[in-house]
Amino acid sequence: MPSLSIHRNDTVKVLAGADRGKTGRVLRVIPDKGTVLVEHVRVIKKTVSSKTGQRTQGGIAEQESPINVSNVVLLCPTCGVARVGFKVDGGSRVRICKKCGQTLPTKK
């Protein structure tokens, strides 16, 4: 399983595609395929049928589609677009911004 420098709940900016320039929060990371789901980016329409016995209403639903991780870049809270580096701090590996050196929040 490959490791990615982008984690869930990170803020990212889209670099390529129809949604170029949009920013959003990462909803889900799929490391096996190298893709991420970003909130309000690459939204597709999907037909949903109503289920009998459940309170699900049928119709056309909108949902996010995966985008390749090479088409997004992590946003640093202080300096904006950032490349990610790693540093060992107290026995644990932390992500840092290569531009300003600030520690980026990591997943728990």
N, C-alpha and C. Protein backbone atom coordinates (compact mmCIF):
# COMPACT_ATOMS: atom_id res chain seq x y z
N MET A 1 0.84 -1.18 0.00
CA MET A 1 0.00 0.00 0.00
C MET A 1 0.89 1.24 0.00
N PRO A 2 0.86 2.04 -1.05
CA PRO A 2 1.71 3.23 -1.11
C PRO A 2 1.23 4.30 -0.13
N SER A 3 2.18 5.05 0.41
CA SER A 3 1.80 6.12 1.33
C SER A 3 1.71 7.42 0.56
N LEU A 4 0.77 8.26 0.93
CA LEU A 4 0.57 9.54 0.28
C LEU A 4 0.81 10.65 1.28
N SER A 5 1.24 11.81 0.80
CA SER A 5 1.49 12.94 1.69
C SER A 5 0.22 13.75 1.93
N ILE A 6 -0.89 13.34 1.33
CA ILE A 6 -2.17 14.02 1.53
C ILE A 6 -3.06 13.12 2.36
N HIS A 7 -3.62 13.68 3.41
CA HIS A 7 -4.46 12.92 4.33
C HIS A 7 -5.89 13.45 4.31
N ARG A 8 -6.78 12.73 4.97
CA ARG A 8 -8.18 13.14 5.09
C ARG A 8 -8.27 14.45 5.86
N ASN A 9 -9.20 15.30 5.47
CA ASN A 9 -9.46 16.62 6.07
C ASN A 9 -8.39 17.66 5.77
N ASP A 10 -7.43 17.37 4.88
CA ASP A 10 -6.47 18.38 4.43
C ASP A 10 -7.16 19.31 3.43
N THR A 11 -6.69 20.54 3.35
CA THR A 11 -7.18 21.47 2.34
C THR A 11 -6.24 21.41 1.16
N VAL A 12 -6.80 21.17 -0.03
CA VAL A 12 -5.99 21.04 -1.23
C VAL A 12 -6.51 21.97 -2.32
N LYS A 13 -5.65 22.22 -3.31
CA LYS A 13 -6.01 23.02 -4.47
C LYS A 13 -5.84 22.15 -5.71
N VAL A 14 -6.81 22.23 -6.64
CA VAL A 14 -6.78 21.43 -7.85
C VAL A 14 -5.90 22.13 -8.88
N LEU A 15 -4.96 21.38 -9.47
CA LEU A 15 -4.01 21.94 -10.43
C LEU A 15 -4.41 21.71 -11.88
N ALA A 16 -5.16 20.66 -12.16
CA ALA A 16 -5.47 20.32 -13.55
C ALA A 16 -6.90 19.81 -13.66
N GLY A 17 -7.45 19.93 -14.85
CA GLY A 17 -8.79 19.43 -15.12
C GLY A 17 -9.80 20.56 -15.23
N ALA A 18 -11.05 20.17 -15.34
CA ALA A 18 -12.13 21.15 -15.50
C ALA A 18 -12.31 22.02 -14.26
N ASP A 19 -11.96 21.49 -13.09
CA ASP A 19 -12.12 22.22 -11.83
C ASP A 19 -10.81 22.88 -11.38
N ARG A 20 -9.95 23.21 -12.31
CA ARG A 20 -8.66 23.82 -11.99
C ARG A 20 -8.86 25.11 -11.20
N GLY A 21 -8.09 25.26 -10.11
CA GLY A 21 -8.14 26.46 -9.29
C GLY A 21 -9.05 26.35 -8.09
N LYS A 22 -9.92 25.36 -8.05
CA LYS A 22 -10.82 25.20 -6.91
C LYS A 22 -10.06 24.64 -5.71
N THR A 23 -10.49 25.02 -4.52
CA THR A 23 -9.93 24.46 -3.30
C THR A 23 -11.03 23.72 -2.57
N GLY A 24 -10.63 22.74 -1.80
CA GLY A 24 -11.61 21.97 -1.04
C GLY A 24 -10.94 21.07 -0.03
N ARG A 25 -11.77 20.46 0.78
CA ARG A 25 -11.31 19.56 1.84
C ARG A 25 -11.34 18.14 1.32
N VAL A 26 -10.32 17.36 1.67
CA VAL A 26 -10.24 15.97 1.23
C VAL A 26 -11.22 15.14 2.07
N LEU A 27 -12.15 14.47 1.39
CA LEU A 27 -13.13 13.64 2.06
C LEU A 27 -12.63 12.22 2.28
N ARG A 28 -11.90 11.71 1.29
CA ARG A 28 -11.44 10.33 1.35
C ARG A 28 -10.18 10.18 0.52
N VAL A 29 -9.25 9.36 0.99
CA VAL A 29 -8.02 9.07 0.27
C VAL A 29 -8.04 7.59 -0.11
N ILE A 30 -7.77 7.30 -1.39
CA ILE A 30 -7.73 5.92 -1.87
C ILE A 30 -6.29 5.66 -2.33
N PRO A 31 -5.39 5.20 -1.41
CA PRO A 31 -3.98 5.08 -1.76
C PRO A 31 -3.68 3.99 -2.78
N ASP A 32 -4.48 2.93 -2.83
CA ASP A 32 -4.23 1.85 -3.79
C ASP A 32 -4.35 2.34 -5.23
N LYS A 33 -5.29 3.25 -5.48
CA LYS A 33 -5.50 3.79 -6.82
C LYS A 33 -4.80 5.14 -7.01
N GLY A 34 -4.29 5.73 -5.93
CA GLY A 34 -3.62 7.03 -6.03
C GLY A 34 -4.59 8.17 -6.29
N THR A 35 -5.80 8.08 -5.72
CA THR A 35 -6.81 9.10 -5.94
C THR A 35 -7.34 9.64 -4.62
N VAL A 36 -7.98 10.80 -4.70
CA VAL A 36 -8.61 11.42 -3.54
C VAL A 36 -9.99 11.94 -3.93
N LEU A 37 -10.88 12.02 -2.95
CA LEU A 37 -12.18 12.66 -3.14
C LEU A 37 -12.11 14.03 -2.48
N VAL A 38 -12.35 15.08 -3.25
CA VAL A 38 -12.29 16.45 -2.73
C VAL A 38 -13.70 17.02 -2.74
N GLU A 39 -14.05 17.68 -1.64
CA GLU A 39 -15.38 18.24 -1.47
C GLU A 39 -15.67 19.30 -2.54
N HIS A 40 -16.80 19.16 -3.23
CA HIS A 40 -17.28 20.09 -4.26
C HIS A 40 -16.37 20.19 -5.48
N VAL A 41 -15.58 19.15 -5.75
CA VAL A 41 -14.72 19.11 -6.92
C VAL A 41 -15.04 17.85 -7.71
N ARG A 42 -15.15 17.99 -9.03
CA ARG A 42 -15.47 16.90 -9.94
C ARG A 42 -16.77 16.20 -9.53
N VAL A 43 -17.82 16.99 -9.41
CA VAL A 43 -19.13 16.49 -9.01
C VAL A 43 -19.81 15.89 -10.23
N ILE A 44 -20.33 14.67 -10.05
CA ILE A 44 -21.05 13.99 -11.11
C ILE A 44 -22.47 13.72 -10.66
N LYS A 45 -23.35 13.51 -11.64
CA LYS A 45 -24.75 13.19 -11.32
C LYS A 45 -24.93 11.69 -11.48
N LYS A 46 -25.64 11.09 -10.53
CA LYS A 46 -25.83 9.66 -10.51
C LYS A 46 -27.31 9.37 -10.25
N THR A 47 -27.88 8.44 -11.02
CA THR A 47 -29.28 8.08 -10.79
C THR A 47 -29.37 7.11 -9.63
N VAL A 48 -30.33 7.37 -8.74
CA VAL A 48 -30.52 6.55 -7.55
C VAL A 48 -31.95 6.06 -7.57
N SER A 49 -32.11 4.75 -7.40
CA SER A 49 -33.46 4.19 -7.36
C SER A 49 -33.96 4.17 -5.93
N SER A 50 -35.26 4.28 -5.75
CA SER A 50 -35.83 4.24 -4.41
C SER A 50 -35.87 2.79 -3.95
N LYS A 51 -35.54 2.58 -2.69
CA LYS A 51 -35.51 1.24 -2.13
C LYS A 51 -36.82 0.97 -1.40
N THR A 52 -37.40 -0.17 -1.67
CA THR A 52 -38.65 -0.52 -0.98
C THR A 52 -38.32 -0.92 0.45
N GLY A 53 -39.13 -0.46 1.37
CA GLY A 53 -38.91 -0.75 2.78
C GLY A 53 -37.99 0.23 3.47
N GLN A 54 -37.32 1.07 2.70
CA GLN A 54 -36.46 2.09 3.28
C GLN A 54 -37.00 3.46 2.91
N ARG A 55 -36.52 4.47 3.58
CA ARG A 55 -37.00 5.82 3.32
C ARG A 55 -36.07 6.56 2.36
N THR A 56 -35.55 5.86 1.38
CA THR A 56 -34.67 6.47 0.40
C THR A 56 -35.49 6.90 -0.80
N GLN A 57 -35.35 8.17 -1.15
CA GLN A 57 -36.08 8.70 -2.28
C GLN A 57 -35.22 8.58 -3.54
N GLY A 58 -35.82 8.13 -4.62
CA GLY A 58 -35.11 7.98 -5.87
C GLY A 58 -34.97 9.31 -6.59
N GLY A 59 -34.14 9.33 -7.61
CA GLY A 59 -33.96 10.54 -8.41
C GLY A 59 -32.52 10.66 -8.86
N ILE A 60 -32.09 11.89 -9.09
CA ILE A 60 -30.74 12.16 -9.54
C ILE A 60 -29.98 12.80 -8.38
N ALA A 61 -28.90 12.14 -7.95
CA ALA A 61 -28.08 12.62 -6.84
C ALA A 61 -26.74 13.08 -7.37
N GLU A 62 -26.14 14.04 -6.67
CA GLU A 62 -24.81 14.51 -7.03
C GLU A 62 -23.82 13.97 -6.02
N GLN A 63 -22.66 13.53 -6.52
CA GLN A 63 -21.61 13.05 -5.63
C GLN A 63 -20.25 13.35 -6.25
N GLU A 64 -19.23 13.36 -5.39
CA GLU A 64 -17.88 13.64 -5.85
C GLU A 64 -17.29 12.39 -6.49
N SER A 65 -16.47 12.61 -7.52
CA SER A 65 -15.78 11.53 -8.21
C SER A 65 -14.29 11.64 -7.86
N PRO A 66 -13.56 10.52 -7.82
CA PRO A 66 -12.14 10.58 -7.46
C PRO A 66 -11.32 11.37 -8.47
N ILE A 67 -10.30 12.06 -7.97
CA ILE A 67 -9.37 12.81 -8.80
C ILE A 67 -7.97 12.31 -8.46
N ASN A 68 -7.11 12.24 -9.46
CA ASN A 68 -5.76 11.72 -9.25
C ASN A 68 -4.99 12.63 -8.29
N VAL A 69 -4.20 12.02 -7.43
CA VAL A 69 -3.47 12.78 -6.41
C VAL A 69 -2.41 13.68 -7.04
N SER A 70 -1.97 13.38 -8.27
CA SER A 70 -0.99 14.25 -8.93
C SER A 70 -1.61 15.55 -9.42
N ASN A 71 -2.93 15.62 -9.43
CA ASN A 71 -3.62 16.82 -9.89
C ASN A 71 -4.02 17.75 -8.74
N VAL A 72 -3.63 17.44 -7.52
CA VAL A 72 -3.93 18.31 -6.38
C VAL A 72 -2.63 18.60 -5.62
N VAL A 73 -2.63 19.73 -4.92
CA VAL A 73 -1.47 20.11 -4.11
C VAL A 73 -1.99 20.57 -2.75
N LEU A 74 -1.23 20.26 -1.71
CA LEU A 74 -1.60 20.61 -0.34
C LEU A 74 -1.44 22.11 -0.11
N LEU A 75 -2.34 22.69 0.68
CA LEU A 75 -2.26 24.11 1.02
C LEU A 75 -1.77 24.25 2.46
N CYS A 76 -0.72 25.05 2.64
CA CYS A 76 -0.19 25.36 3.97
C CYS A 76 -1.04 26.48 4.56
N PRO A 77 -1.36 26.43 5.85
CA PRO A 77 -2.18 27.49 6.45
C PRO A 77 -1.53 28.88 6.40
N THR A 78 -0.19 28.95 6.35
CA THR A 78 0.46 30.26 6.39
C THR A 78 0.91 30.76 5.02
N CYS A 79 1.49 29.87 4.19
CA CYS A 79 2.09 30.37 2.94
C CYS A 79 1.38 29.92 1.67
N GLY A 80 0.30 29.20 1.75
CA GLY A 80 -0.44 28.81 0.56
C GLY A 80 0.01 27.47 0.02
N VAL A 81 0.22 27.40 -1.30
CA VAL A 81 0.60 26.15 -1.95
C VAL A 81 1.95 25.69 -1.40
N ALA A 82 2.01 24.42 -0.99
CA ALA A 82 3.22 23.94 -0.33
C ALA A 82 3.62 22.56 -0.82
N ARG A 83 4.93 22.36 -0.90
CA ARG A 83 5.45 21.02 -1.09
C ARG A 83 5.62 20.41 0.29
N VAL A 84 5.46 19.11 0.38
CA VAL A 84 5.47 18.44 1.67
C VAL A 84 6.79 17.73 1.88
N GLY A 85 7.37 17.93 3.05
CA GLY A 85 8.57 17.20 3.46
C GLY A 85 8.27 16.47 4.76
N PHE A 86 9.15 15.59 5.14
CA PHE A 86 8.96 14.83 6.37
C PHE A 86 10.16 15.02 7.27
N LYS A 87 9.89 15.00 8.60
CA LYS A 87 10.94 15.16 9.59
C LYS A 87 10.61 14.25 10.76
N VAL A 88 11.62 13.61 11.34
CA VAL A 88 11.41 12.77 12.51
C VAL A 88 11.52 13.67 13.74
N ASP A 89 10.45 13.72 14.51
CA ASP A 89 10.39 14.60 15.68
C ASP A 89 9.95 13.77 16.88
N GLY A 90 10.89 13.49 17.77
CA GLY A 90 10.55 12.73 18.98
C GLY A 90 10.10 11.30 18.69
N GLY A 91 10.69 10.68 17.71
CA GLY A 91 10.34 9.30 17.40
C GLY A 91 9.15 9.14 16.48
N SER A 92 8.50 10.24 16.11
CA SER A 92 7.37 10.15 15.19
C SER A 92 7.67 10.98 13.95
N ARG A 93 7.12 10.56 12.83
CA ARG A 93 7.35 11.23 11.55
C ARG A 93 6.26 12.27 11.34
N VAL A 94 6.64 13.53 11.13
CA VAL A 94 5.68 14.61 10.95
C VAL A 94 5.88 15.23 9.58
N ARG A 95 4.81 15.79 9.04
CA ARG A 95 4.86 16.49 7.75
C ARG A 95 5.22 17.95 7.99
N ILE A 96 6.06 18.50 7.13
CA ILE A 96 6.42 19.91 7.23
C ILE A 96 6.25 20.57 5.87
N CYS A 97 6.03 21.87 5.89
CA CYS A 97 5.97 22.67 4.67
C CYS A 97 7.40 23.01 4.27
N LYS A 98 7.77 22.71 3.02
CA LYS A 98 9.14 22.97 2.58
C LYS A 98 9.42 24.45 2.42
N LYS A 99 8.36 25.27 2.26
CA LYS A 99 8.54 26.70 2.04
C LYS A 99 8.82 27.44 3.35
N CYS A 100 7.95 27.24 4.35
CA CYS A 100 8.08 27.98 5.59
C CYS A 100 8.60 27.14 6.77
N GLY A 101 8.61 25.82 6.61
CA GLY A 101 9.13 24.96 7.67
C GLY A 101 8.14 24.65 8.77
N GLN A 102 6.90 25.11 8.63
CA GLN A 102 5.89 24.88 9.67
C GLN A 102 5.42 23.42 9.62
N THR A 103 5.14 22.87 10.80
CA THR A 103 4.61 21.51 10.89
C THR A 103 3.16 21.50 10.46
N LEU A 104 2.83 20.60 9.54
CA LEU A 104 1.45 20.46 9.06
C LEU A 104 0.72 19.45 9.94
N PRO A 105 -0.56 19.66 10.18
CA PRO A 105 -1.29 18.71 11.01
C PRO A 105 -1.33 17.33 10.34
N THR A 106 -1.19 16.29 11.14
CA THR A 106 -1.19 14.92 10.62
C THR A 106 -2.45 14.21 11.09
N LYS A 107 -2.75 13.10 10.42
CA LYS A 107 -3.92 12.33 10.82
C LYS A 107 -3.66 11.64 12.15
N LYS A 108 -4.69 11.43 12.88
CA LYS A 108 -4.58 10.82 14.22
C LYS A 108 -4.66 9.32 14.10
